[in-house]
Structures are given as C-alpha cells and as structure tokens.
Amino acid sequence: MGAPLLSRENASKIRTWLKVIAKLAENAEVFIDACDYDIEGSIIGYSILKYTCGNKEEIAKRMKYSTLTKEELQEAIL
C-alpha cells in the first residue's frame, strides 16, 4: 500500500499552511519542532524547518512527547 494521493483541494490547503508558516518564521527567534516523535513526524518537522523556515533545522529545539495532556506537554517543552 503506497502513500495516499493528494487532491488539488488538500494540496492547496497544505500550500496555504506552508505560506503562513514561512511568514511567521521571518520574524521568529526560536524554532521548536513539536511534530510526533517518530520517523514520520521527524521528517515532517525537519522538512518544514529546512524548506519552509529557511534552513532552521540545525537551530531548532525538539519536543519529545507522546501525550496531549497540558501538564506533560508543558514539561516536554522545558
């Protein structure tokens, strides 16, 4: 089973999000990769930081978590 194909509508939505992220990255001083802590999430986070944020993958911090509770997320970011 291969990767799902993107519809034009979904591709357009992704393009919109990437433009927003790129705009926000222009004035950002800190970058945090908070994607899932697995291979897929790591690749997504790396790609966004490298190609959308302008090669920020080397300076970005990495959140490590496998939860969605407020307390554990706050602990993961410290």
PDB file of N, CA and C in Angstrom:
ATOM      1  N   MET A   1       0.847  -1.176   0.000  1.00  0.00           N
ATOM      2  CA  MET A   1       0.000   0.000   0.000  1.00  0.00           C
ATOM      3  C   MET A   1       0.891   1.237   0.000  1.00  0.00           C
ATOM      4  N   GLY A   2       0.700   2.094  -0.953  1.00  0.00           N
ATOM      5  CA  GLY A   2       1.510   3.303  -1.065  1.00  0.00           C
ATOM      6  C   GLY A   2       0.914   4.470  -0.310  1.00  0.00           C
ATOM      7  N   ALA A   3       1.592   5.587  -0.406  1.00  0.00           N
ATOM      8  CA  ALA A   3       1.121   6.808   0.248  1.00  0.00           C
ATOM      9  C   ALA A   3      -0.144   7.303  -0.446  1.00  0.00           C
ATOM     10  N   PRO A   4      -1.049   7.906   0.307  1.00  0.00           N
ATOM     11  CA  PRO A   4      -2.282   8.410  -0.314  1.00  0.00           C
ATOM     12  C   PRO A   4      -1.981   9.586  -1.238  1.00  0.00           C
ATOM     13  N   LEU A   5      -2.741   9.682  -2.287  1.00  0.00           N
ATOM     14  CA  LEU A   5      -2.579  10.789  -3.222  1.00  0.00           C
ATOM     15  C   LEU A   5      -3.270  12.033  -2.680  1.00  0.00           C
ATOM     16  N   LEU A   6      -2.679  13.188  -2.933  1.00  0.00           N
ATOM     17  CA  LEU A   6      -3.280  14.446  -2.501  1.00  0.00           C
ATOM     18  C   LEU A   6      -4.248  14.952  -3.557  1.00  0.00           C
ATOM     19  N   SER A   7      -5.381  15.380  -3.130  1.00  0.00           N
ATOM     20  CA  SER A   7      -6.305  16.022  -4.059  1.00  0.00           C
ATOM     21  C   SER A   7      -5.831  17.453  -4.262  1.00  0.00           C
ATOM     22  N   ARG A   8      -6.308  18.100  -5.279  1.00  0.00           N
ATOM     23  CA  ARG A   8      -5.949  19.505  -5.521  1.00  0.00           C
ATOM     24  C   ARG A   8      -6.365  20.375  -4.340  1.00  0.00           C
ATOM     25  N   GLU A   9      -7.526  20.062  -3.761  1.00  0.00           N
ATOM     26  CA  GLU A   9      -8.027  20.828  -2.622  1.00  0.00           C
ATOM     27  C   GLU A   9      -7.090  20.689  -1.420  1.00  0.00           C
ATOM     28  N   ASN A  10      -6.685  19.451  -1.126  1.00  0.00           N
ATOM     29  CA  ASN A  10      -5.781  19.231   0.005  1.00  0.00           C
ATOM     30  C   ASN A  10      -4.409  19.843  -0.254  1.00  0.00           C
ATOM     31  N   ALA A  11      -3.914  19.740  -1.472  1.00  0.00           N
ATOM     32  CA  ALA A  11      -2.623  20.334  -1.811  1.00  0.00           C
ATOM     33  C   ALA A  11      -2.687  21.849  -1.647  1.00  0.00           C
ATOM     34  N   SER A  12      -3.792  22.438  -2.008  1.00  0.00           N
ATOM     35  CA  SER A  12      -3.975  23.880  -1.858  1.00  0.00           C
ATOM     36  C   SER A  12      -3.970  24.277  -0.383  1.00  0.00           C
ATOM     37  N   LYS A  13      -4.624  23.473   0.452  1.00  0.00           N
ATOM     38  CA  LYS A  13      -4.639  23.746   1.891  1.00  0.00           C
ATOM     39  C   LYS A  13      -3.234  23.653   2.480  1.00  0.00           C
ATOM     40  N   ILE A  14      -2.483  22.642   2.072  1.00  0.00           N
ATOM     41  CA  ILE A  14      -1.109  22.482   2.563  1.00  0.00           C
ATOM     42  C   ILE A  14      -0.260  23.668   2.133  1.00  0.00           C
ATOM     43  N   ARG A  15      -0.395  24.092   0.881  1.00  0.00           N
ATOM     44  CA  ARG A  15       0.351  25.248   0.371  1.00  0.00           C
ATOM     45  C   ARG A  15       0.038  26.498   1.192  1.00  0.00           C
ATOM     46  N   THR A  16      -1.225  26.685   1.533  1.00  0.00           N
ATOM     47  CA  THR A  16      -1.635  27.829   2.350  1.00  0.00           C
ATOM     48  C   THR A  16      -0.958  27.786   3.711  1.00  0.00           C
ATOM     49  N   TRP A  17      -0.981  26.616   4.359  1.00  0.00           N
ATOM     50  CA  TRP A  17      -0.341  26.477   5.673  1.00  0.00           C
ATOM     51  C   TRP A  17       1.153  26.737   5.587  1.00  0.00           C
ATOM     52  N   LEU A  18       1.804  26.239   4.547  1.00  0.00           N
ATOM     53  CA  LEU A  18       3.246  26.452   4.406  1.00  0.00           C
ATOM     54  C   LEU A  18       3.573  27.926   4.205  1.00  0.00           C
ATOM     55  N   LYS A  19       2.736  28.643   3.492  1.00  0.00           N
ATOM     56  CA  LYS A  19       2.940  30.088   3.327  1.00  0.00           C
ATOM     57  C   LYS A  19       2.802  30.818   4.662  1.00  0.00           C
ATOM     58  N   VAL A  20       1.819  30.420   5.460  1.00  0.00           N
ATOM     59  CA  VAL A  20       1.631  31.031   6.781  1.00  0.00           C
ATOM     60  C   VAL A  20       2.837  30.745   7.673  1.00  0.00           C
ATOM     61  N   ILE A  21       3.299  29.502   7.681  1.00  0.00           N
ATOM     62  CA  ILE A  21       4.466  29.138   8.494  1.00  0.00           C
ATOM     63  C   ILE A  21       5.693  29.922   8.045  1.00  0.00           C
ATOM     64  N   ALA A  22       5.900  30.044   6.732  1.00  0.00           N
ATOM     65  CA  ALA A  22       7.048  30.798   6.221  1.00  0.00           C
ATOM     66  C   ALA A  22       6.982  32.260   6.650  1.00  0.00           C
ATOM     67  N   LYS A  23       5.812  32.842   6.613  1.00  0.00           N
ATOM     68  CA  LYS A  23       5.641  34.241   7.026  1.00  0.00           C
ATOM     69  C   LYS A  23       5.944  34.401   8.513  1.00  0.00           C
ATOM     70  N   LEU A  24       5.428  33.512   9.334  1.00  0.00           N
ATOM     71  CA  LEU A  24       5.696  33.569  10.776  1.00  0.00           C
ATOM     72  C   LEU A  24       7.183  33.360  11.071  1.00  0.00           C
ATOM     73  N   ALA A  25       7.845  32.520  10.294  1.00  0.00           N
ATOM     74  CA  ALA A  25       9.262  32.216  10.512  1.00  0.00           C
ATOM     75  C   ALA A  25      10.165  33.418  10.246  1.00  0.00           C
ATOM     76  N   GLU A  26       9.712  34.345   9.414  1.00  0.00           N
ATOM     77  CA  GLU A  26      10.542  35.503   9.069  1.00  0.00           C
ATOM     78  C   GLU A  26      10.988  36.283  10.298  1.00  0.00           C
ATOM     79  N   ASN A  27      10.125  36.421  11.292  1.00  0.00           N
ATOM     80  CA  ASN A  27      10.442  37.210  12.481  1.00  0.00           C
ATOM     81  C   ASN A  27      10.684  36.361  13.723  1.00  0.00           C
ATOM     82  N   ALA A  28      10.727  35.057  13.558  1.00  0.00           N
ATOM     83  CA  ALA A  28      10.899  34.169  14.711  1.00  0.00           C
ATOM     84  C   ALA A  28      12.361  34.122  15.148  1.00  0.00           C
ATOM     85  N   GLU A  29      12.546  34.036  16.449  1.00  0.00           N
ATOM     86  CA  GLU A  29      13.890  33.912  17.006  1.00  0.00           C
ATOM     87  C   GLU A  29      14.149  32.495  17.501  1.00  0.00           C
ATOM     88  N   VAL A  30      13.090  31.767  17.843  1.00  0.00           N
ATOM     89  CA  VAL A  30      13.200  30.408  18.359  1.00  0.00           C
ATOM     90  C   VAL A  30      12.314  29.503  17.514  1.00  0.00           C
ATOM     91  N   PHE A  31      12.814  28.320  17.224  1.00  0.00           N
ATOM     92  CA  PHE A  31      12.065  27.338  16.449  1.00  0.00           C
ATOM     93  C   PHE A  31      11.982  26.048  17.253  1.00  0.00           C
ATOM     94  N   ILE A  32      10.787  25.490  17.363  1.00  0.00           N
ATOM     95  CA  ILE A  32      10.575  24.251  18.106  1.00  0.00           C
ATOM     96  C   ILE A  32       9.843  23.257  17.212  1.00  0.00           C
ATOM     97  N   ASP A  33      10.474  22.128  16.985  1.00  0.00           N
ATOM     98  CA  ASP A  33       9.857  21.037  16.231  1.00  0.00           C
ATOM     99  C   ASP A  33       8.999  20.247  17.216  1.00  0.00           C
ATOM    100  N   ALA A  34       7.687  20.382  17.096  1.00  0.00           N
ATOM    101  CA  ALA A  34       6.764  19.706  18.003  1.00  0.00           C
ATOM    102  C   ALA A  34       5.938  18.652  17.273  1.00  0.00           C
ATOM    103  N   CYS A  35       6.467  18.150  16.157  1.00  0.00           N
ATOM    104  CA  CYS A  35       5.789  17.066  15.444  1.00  0.00           C
ATOM    105  C   CYS A  35       5.947  15.780  16.237  1.00  0.00           C
ATOM    106  N   ASP A  36       5.131  14.780  15.919  1.00  0.00           N
ATOM    107  CA  ASP A  36       5.217  13.486  16.595  1.00  0.00           C
ATOM    108  C   ASP A  36       6.667  13.011  16.639  1.00  0.00           C
ATOM    109  N   TYR A  37       7.016  12.365  17.737  1.00  0.00           N
ATOM    110  CA  TYR A  37       8.387  11.896  17.925  1.00  0.00           C
ATOM    111  C   TYR A  37       8.529  10.472  17.378  1.00  0.00           C
ATOM    112  N   ASP A  38       8.341  10.354  16.076  1.00  0.00           N
ATOM    113  CA  ASP A  38       8.568   9.103  15.363  1.00  0.00           C
ATOM    114  C   ASP A  38       9.218   9.474  14.034  1.00  0.00           C
ATOM    115  N   ILE A  39       9.517   8.512  13.201  1.00  0.00           N
ATOM    116  CA  ILE A  39      10.212   8.792  11.938  1.00  0.00           C
ATOM    117  C   ILE A  39       9.415   9.760  11.070  1.00  0.00           C
ATOM    118  N   GLU A  40       8.130   9.493  10.896  1.00  0.00           N
ATOM    119  CA  GLU A  40       7.303  10.346  10.036  1.00  0.00           C
ATOM    120  C   GLU A  40       7.252  11.778  10.572  1.00  0.00           C
ATOM    121  N   GLY A  41       7.001  11.935  11.865  1.00  0.00           N
ATOM    122  CA  GLY A  41       6.944  13.260  12.458  1.00  0.00           C
ATOM    123  C   GLY A  41       8.278  13.973  12.378  1.00  0.00           C
ATOM    124  N   SER A  42       9.362  13.233  12.576  1.00  0.00           N
ATOM    125  CA  SER A  42      10.698  13.831  12.487  1.00  0.00           C
ATOM    126  C   SER A  42      10.982  14.350  11.083  1.00  0.00           C
ATOM    127  N   ILE A  43      10.595  13.597  10.088  1.00  0.00           N
ATOM    128  CA  ILE A  43      10.813  14.024   8.692  1.00  0.00           C
ATOM    129  C   ILE A  43       9.953  15.232   8.350  1.00  0.00           C
ATOM    130  N   ILE A  44       8.709  15.232   8.803  1.00  0.00           N
ATOM    131  CA  ILE A  44       7.824  16.380   8.553  1.00  0.00           C
ATOM    132  C   ILE A  44       8.398  17.628   9.205  1.00  0.00           C
ATOM    133  N   GLY A  45       8.768  17.535  10.486  1.00  0.00           N
ATOM    134  CA  GLY A  45       9.326  18.684  11.190  1.00  0.00           C
ATOM    135  C   GLY A  45      10.600  19.190  10.543  1.00  0.00           C
ATOM    136  N   TYR A  46      11.511  18.279  10.214  1.00  0.00           N
ATOM    137  CA  TYR A  46      12.772  18.635   9.566  1.00  0.00           C
ATOM    138  C   TYR A  46      12.522  19.346   8.237  1.00  0.00           C
ATOM    139  N   SER A  47      11.632  18.796   7.438  1.00  0.00           N
ATOM    140  CA  SER A  47      11.352  19.373   6.114  1.00  0.00           C
ATOM    141  C   SER A  47      10.765  20.776   6.218  1.00  0.00           C
ATOM    142  N   ILE A  48       9.856  20.973   7.149  1.00  0.00           N
ATOM    143  CA  ILE A  48       9.270  22.306   7.331  1.00  0.00           C
ATOM    144  C   ILE A  48      10.332  23.294   7.777  1.00  0.00           C
ATOM    145  N   LEU A  49      11.144  22.895   8.752  1.00  0.00           N
ATOM    146  CA  LEU A  49      12.190  23.791   9.240  1.00  0.00           C
ATOM    147  C   LEU A  49      13.214  24.107   8.153  1.00  0.00           C
ATOM    148  N   LYS A  50      13.594  23.126   7.367  1.00  0.00           N
ATOM    149  CA  LYS A  50      14.609  23.330   6.322  1.00  0.00           C
ATOM    150  C   LYS A  50      14.060  24.109   5.130  1.00  0.00           C
ATOM    151  N   TYR A  51      12.954  23.670   4.588  1.00  0.00           N
ATOM    152  CA  TYR A  51      12.492  24.218   3.315  1.00  0.00           C
ATOM    153  C   TYR A  51      11.489  25.351   3.449  1.00  0.00           C
ATOM    154  N   THR A  52      10.729  25.405   4.532  1.00  0.00           N
ATOM    155  CA  THR A  52       9.728  26.452   4.693  1.00  0.00           C
ATOM    156  C   THR A  52      10.230  27.581   5.582  1.00  0.00           C
ATOM    157  N   CYS A  53      11.032  27.231   6.580  1.00  0.00           N
ATOM    158  CA  CYS A  53      11.523  28.240   7.531  1.00  0.00           C
ATOM    159  C   CYS A  53      12.912  28.754   7.178  1.00  0.00           C
ATOM    160  N   GLY A  54      13.509  28.257   6.121  1.00  0.00           N
ATOM    161  CA  GLY A  54      14.804  28.773   5.687  1.00  0.00           C
ATOM    162  C   GLY A  54      15.987  28.180   6.428  1.00  0.00           C
ATOM    163  N   ASN A  55      16.113  26.869   6.401  1.00  0.00           N
ATOM    164  CA  ASN A  55      17.265  26.160   6.991  1.00  0.00           C
ATOM    165  C   ASN A  55      17.406  26.357   8.494  1.00  0.00           C
ATOM    166  N   LYS A  56      16.316  26.271   9.211  1.00  0.00           N
ATOM    167  CA  LYS A  56      16.341  26.429  10.674  1.00  0.00           C
ATOM    168  C   LYS A  56      16.412  25.085  11.400  1.00  0.00           C
ATOM    169  N   GLU A  57      16.556  23.997  10.659  1.00  0.00           N
ATOM    170  CA  GLU A  57      16.565  22.678  11.283  1.00  0.00           C
ATOM    171  C   GLU A  57      17.731  22.483  12.246  1.00  0.00           C
ATOM    172  N   GLU A  58      18.838  23.157  12.012  1.00  0.00           N
ATOM    173  CA  GLU A  58      20.017  22.992  12.872  1.00  0.00           C
ATOM    174  C   GLU A  58      19.876  23.722  14.208  1.00  0.00           C
ATOM    175  N   ILE A  59      19.097  24.792  14.245  1.00  0.00           N
ATOM    176  CA  ILE A  59      18.980  25.579  15.483  1.00  0.00           C
ATOM    177  C   ILE A  59      17.687  25.301  16.244  1.00  0.00           C
ATOM    178  N   ALA A  60      16.816  24.523  15.653  1.00  0.00           N
ATOM    179  CA  ALA A  60      15.513  24.253  16.279  1.00  0.00           C
ATOM    180  C   ALA A  60      15.651  23.331  17.487  1.00  0.00           C
ATOM    181  N   LYS A  61      14.805  23.561  18.458  1.00  0.00           N
ATOM    182  CA  LYS A  61      14.704  22.661  19.604  1.00  0.00           C
ATOM    183  C   LYS A  61      13.707  21.568  19.233  1.00  0.00           C
ATOM    184  N   ARG A  62      13.778  20.447  19.943  1.00  0.00           N
ATOM    185  CA  ARG A  62      12.902  19.312  19.632  1.00  0.00           C
ATOM    186  C   ARG A  62      12.106  18.926  20.865  1.00  0.00           C
ATOM    187  N   MET A  63      10.790  18.961  20.744  1.00  0.00           N
ATOM    188  CA  MET A  63       9.938  18.473  21.823  1.00  0.00           C
ATOM    189  C   MET A  63       9.827  16.961  21.705  1.00  0.00           C
ATOM    190  N   LYS A  64       9.917  16.278  22.833  1.00  0.00           N
ATOM    191  CA  LYS A  64       9.766  14.824  22.866  1.00  0.00           C
ATOM    192  C   LYS A  64       8.602  14.503  23.789  1.00  0.00           C
ATOM    193  N   TYR A  65       7.544  13.978  23.212  1.00  0.00           N
ATOM    194  CA  TYR A  65       6.353  13.662  24.000  1.00  0.00           C
ATOM    195  C   TYR A  65       5.521  12.616  23.284  1.00  0.00           C
ATOM    196  N   SER A  66       4.676  11.993  24.043  1.00  0.00           N
ATOM    197  CA  SER A  66       3.707  11.056  23.454  1.00  0.00           C
ATOM    198  C   SER A  66       2.405  11.185  24.238  1.00  0.00           C
ATOM    199  N   THR A  67       1.982  12.411  24.411  1.00  0.00           N
ATOM    200  CA  THR A  67       0.802  12.708  25.208  1.00  0.00           C
ATOM    201  C   THR A  67       0.145  13.976  24.694  1.00  0.00           C
ATOM    202  N   LEU A  68      -1.022  14.246  25.156  1.00  0.00           N
ATOM    203  CA  LEU A  68      -1.674  15.516  24.846  1.00  0.00           C
ATOM    204  C   LEU A  68      -2.205  16.188  26.103  1.00  0.00           C
ATOM    205  N   THR A  69      -1.747  15.738  27.283  1.00  0.00           N
ATOM    206  CA  THR A  69      -2.197  16.402  28.500  1.00  0.00           C
ATOM    207  C   THR A  69      -1.397  17.686  28.695  1.00  0.00           C
ATOM    208  N   LYS A  70      -2.037  18.694  29.209  1.00  0.00           N
ATOM    209  CA  LYS A  70      -1.419  20.010  29.383  1.00  0.00           C
ATOM    210  C   LYS A  70      -0.122  19.921  30.191  1.00  0.00           C
ATOM    211  N   GLU A  71      -0.162  19.225  31.300  1.00  0.00           N
ATOM    212  CA  GLU A  71       0.993  19.148  32.184  1.00  0.00           C
ATOM    213  C   GLU A  71       2.190  18.490  31.498  1.00  0.00           C
ATOM    214  N   GLU A  72       1.944  17.394  30.826  1.00  0.00           N
ATOM    215  CA  GLU A  72       3.048  16.675  30.166  1.00  0.00           C
ATOM    216  C   GLU A  72       3.587  17.449  28.967  1.00  0.00           C
ATOM    217  N   LEU A  73       2.736  18.156  28.249  1.00  0.00           N
ATOM    218  CA  LEU A  73       3.221  18.996  27.154  1.00  0.00           C
ATOM    219  C   LEU A  73       4.075  20.144  27.676  1.00  0.00           C
ATOM    220  N   GLN A  74       3.657  20.754  28.784  1.00  0.00           N
ATOM    221  CA  GLN A  74       4.444  21.828  29.370  1.00  0.00           C
ATOM    222  C   GLN A  74       5.800  21.315  29.829  1.00  0.00           C
ATOM    223  N   GLU A  75       5.831  20.125  30.384  1.00  0.00           N
ATOM    224  CA  GLU A  75       7.091  19.533  30.822  1.00  0.00           C
ATOM    225  C   GLU A  75       7.995  19.219  29.630  1.00  0.00           C
ATOM    226  N   ALA A  76       7.422  18.775  28.538  1.00  0.00           N
ATOM    227  CA  ALA A  76       8.190  18.401  27.353  1.00  0.00           C
ATOM    228  C   ALA A  76       8.872  19.587  26.700  1.00  0.00           C
ATOM    229  N   ILE A  77       8.315  20.762  26.824  1.00  0.00           N
ATOM    230  CA  ILE A  77       8.875  21.937  26.156  1.00  0.00           C
ATOM    231  C   ILE A  77      10.021  22.556  26.943  1.00  0.00           C
ATOM    232  N   LEU A  78      10.135  22.233  28.214  1.00  0.00           N
ATOM    233  CA  LEU A  78      11.195  22.814  29.057  1.00  0.00           C
ATOM    234  C   LEU A  78      12.519  22.132  28.853  1.00  0.00           C
TER     235      LEU A  78
END
